[in-house]
N, C-alpha and C. Protein backbone atom coordinates (compact mmCIF):
# COMPACT_ATOMS: atom_id res chain seq x y z
N MET A 1 76.25 -135.00 68.37
CA MET A 1 76.16 -133.87 69.28
C MET A 1 77.51 -133.67 69.97
N GLY A 2 77.99 -132.44 70.03
CA GLY A 2 79.30 -132.14 70.59
C GLY A 2 79.26 -132.01 72.09
N LYS A 3 80.43 -131.89 72.65
CA LYS A 3 80.54 -131.75 74.09
C LYS A 3 80.31 -130.31 74.49
N GLU A 4 79.87 -130.14 75.71
CA GLU A 4 79.69 -128.81 76.27
C GLU A 4 81.06 -128.18 76.52
N PRO A 5 81.15 -126.85 76.48
CA PRO A 5 82.43 -126.17 76.74
C PRO A 5 83.05 -126.55 78.08
N ASN A 6 82.22 -126.73 79.11
CA ASN A 6 82.76 -127.11 80.42
C ASN A 6 83.39 -128.50 80.38
N ASP A 7 82.81 -129.42 79.59
CA ASP A 7 83.38 -130.76 79.46
C ASP A 7 84.75 -130.68 78.79
N GLU A 8 84.85 -129.85 77.75
CA GLU A 8 86.13 -129.70 77.05
C GLU A 8 87.18 -129.07 77.96
N THR A 9 86.77 -128.10 78.78
CA THR A 9 87.69 -127.47 79.72
C THR A 9 88.17 -128.48 80.74
N SER A 10 87.26 -129.30 81.24
CA SER A 10 87.60 -130.32 82.22
C SER A 10 88.59 -131.33 81.63
N GLU A 11 88.35 -131.75 80.39
CA GLU A 11 89.27 -132.69 79.73
C GLU A 11 90.65 -132.06 79.56
N GLY A 12 90.67 -130.79 79.19
CA GLY A 12 91.95 -130.09 79.02
C GLY A 12 92.71 -129.98 80.32
N LEU A 13 92.01 -129.67 81.39
CA LEU A 13 92.67 -129.58 82.70
C LEU A 13 93.17 -130.94 83.16
N ASN A 14 92.36 -131.98 82.92
CA ASN A 14 92.79 -133.33 83.29
C ASN A 14 94.07 -133.70 82.54
N GLN A 15 94.12 -133.36 81.25
CA GLN A 15 95.31 -133.66 80.46
C GLN A 15 96.52 -132.89 81.01
N LEU A 16 96.31 -131.65 81.39
CA LEU A 16 97.40 -130.85 81.94
C LEU A 16 97.94 -131.49 83.23
N PHE A 17 97.03 -131.93 84.10
CA PHE A 17 97.47 -132.59 85.34
C PHE A 17 98.21 -133.89 85.04
N GLU A 18 97.78 -134.63 84.03
CA GLU A 18 98.49 -135.85 83.66
C GLU A 18 99.91 -135.53 83.21
N ILE A 19 100.05 -134.47 82.43
CA ILE A 19 101.38 -134.07 81.95
C ILE A 19 102.27 -133.67 83.12
N ILE A 20 101.72 -132.91 84.04
CA ILE A 20 102.50 -132.48 85.22
C ILE A 20 102.92 -133.70 86.03
N ASN A 21 101.99 -134.64 86.22
CA ASN A 21 102.29 -135.83 87.02
C ASN A 21 103.24 -136.80 86.33
N ALA A 22 103.37 -136.70 85.01
CA ALA A 22 104.28 -137.58 84.28
C ALA A 22 105.73 -137.30 84.65
N LYS A 23 106.03 -136.10 85.10
CA LYS A 23 107.35 -135.71 85.58
C LYS A 23 108.47 -136.09 84.62
N GLY A 24 108.22 -135.86 83.32
CA GLY A 24 109.27 -136.08 82.34
C GLY A 24 109.40 -137.50 81.84
N ASP A 25 108.52 -138.40 82.28
CA ASP A 25 108.54 -139.79 81.79
C ASP A 25 108.12 -139.78 80.33
N GLU A 26 109.10 -139.97 79.44
CA GLU A 26 108.85 -139.83 78.00
C GLU A 26 107.76 -140.78 77.51
N GLY A 27 107.76 -142.00 77.97
CA GLY A 27 106.75 -142.97 77.54
C GLY A 27 105.35 -142.52 77.95
N GLU A 28 105.23 -142.05 79.16
CA GLU A 28 103.92 -141.59 79.65
C GLU A 28 103.47 -140.34 78.90
N LEU A 29 104.40 -139.43 78.63
CA LEU A 29 104.06 -138.23 77.88
C LEU A 29 103.60 -138.58 76.47
N ARG A 30 104.27 -139.52 75.83
CA ARG A 30 103.86 -139.94 74.48
C ARG A 30 102.45 -140.55 74.51
N GLU A 31 102.15 -141.31 75.55
CA GLU A 31 100.82 -141.91 75.68
C GLU A 31 99.75 -140.84 75.84
N ILE A 32 100.03 -139.81 76.64
CA ILE A 32 99.08 -138.71 76.84
C ILE A 32 98.83 -138.00 75.52
N VAL A 33 99.88 -137.71 74.77
CA VAL A 33 99.74 -137.02 73.49
C VAL A 33 98.97 -137.89 72.51
N SER A 34 99.25 -139.18 72.50
CA SER A 34 98.56 -140.10 71.61
C SER A 34 97.06 -140.14 71.92
N ARG A 35 96.70 -140.23 73.19
CA ARG A 35 95.28 -140.23 73.57
C ARG A 35 94.62 -138.93 73.16
N SER A 36 95.30 -137.83 73.34
CA SER A 36 94.75 -136.52 72.96
C SER A 36 94.53 -136.45 71.46
N SER A 37 95.49 -136.95 70.69
CA SER A 37 95.36 -136.93 69.23
C SER A 37 94.18 -137.78 68.78
N GLU A 38 94.01 -138.95 69.41
CA GLU A 38 92.88 -139.83 69.06
C GLU A 38 91.55 -139.14 69.36
N LYS A 39 91.46 -138.46 70.51
CA LYS A 39 90.23 -137.76 70.87
C LYS A 39 89.95 -136.63 69.88
N ASN A 40 90.99 -135.89 69.50
CA ASN A 40 90.80 -134.79 68.55
C ASN A 40 90.39 -135.30 67.18
N ASN A 41 90.97 -136.41 66.75
CA ASN A 41 90.59 -136.98 65.46
C ASN A 41 89.14 -137.43 65.49
N HIS A 42 88.72 -138.05 66.58
CA HIS A 42 87.33 -138.49 66.72
C HIS A 42 86.40 -137.28 66.73
N LYS A 43 86.79 -136.23 67.44
CA LYS A 43 85.98 -135.01 67.51
C LYS A 43 85.85 -134.37 66.14
N ASN A 44 86.94 -134.32 65.38
CA ASN A 44 86.91 -133.72 64.05
C ASN A 44 85.98 -134.49 63.12
N HIS A 45 85.96 -135.81 63.23
CA HIS A 45 85.05 -136.62 62.40
C HIS A 45 83.61 -136.35 62.78
N GLU A 46 83.32 -136.16 64.07
CA GLU A 46 81.95 -135.86 64.51
C GLU A 46 81.53 -134.49 63.99
N ASP A 47 82.43 -133.52 64.03
CA ASP A 47 82.12 -132.16 63.57
C ASP A 47 81.81 -132.13 62.08
N GLN A 48 82.43 -133.02 61.31
CA GLN A 48 82.23 -133.04 59.86
C GLN A 48 80.93 -133.74 59.47
N SER A 49 80.34 -134.50 60.40
CA SER A 49 79.10 -135.25 60.11
C SER A 49 77.91 -134.33 60.07
């Protein structure tokens, strides 16, 4: 079962705030992108099931 649209919006906003708060810290930005990629890969596998 997929997430509700509001949950996805909330996750997207949280990610945006994390990026803003990273203030250019390359390591932190890479970690945020990596977590996002892992979530998207997991979501894609669920959608294909």
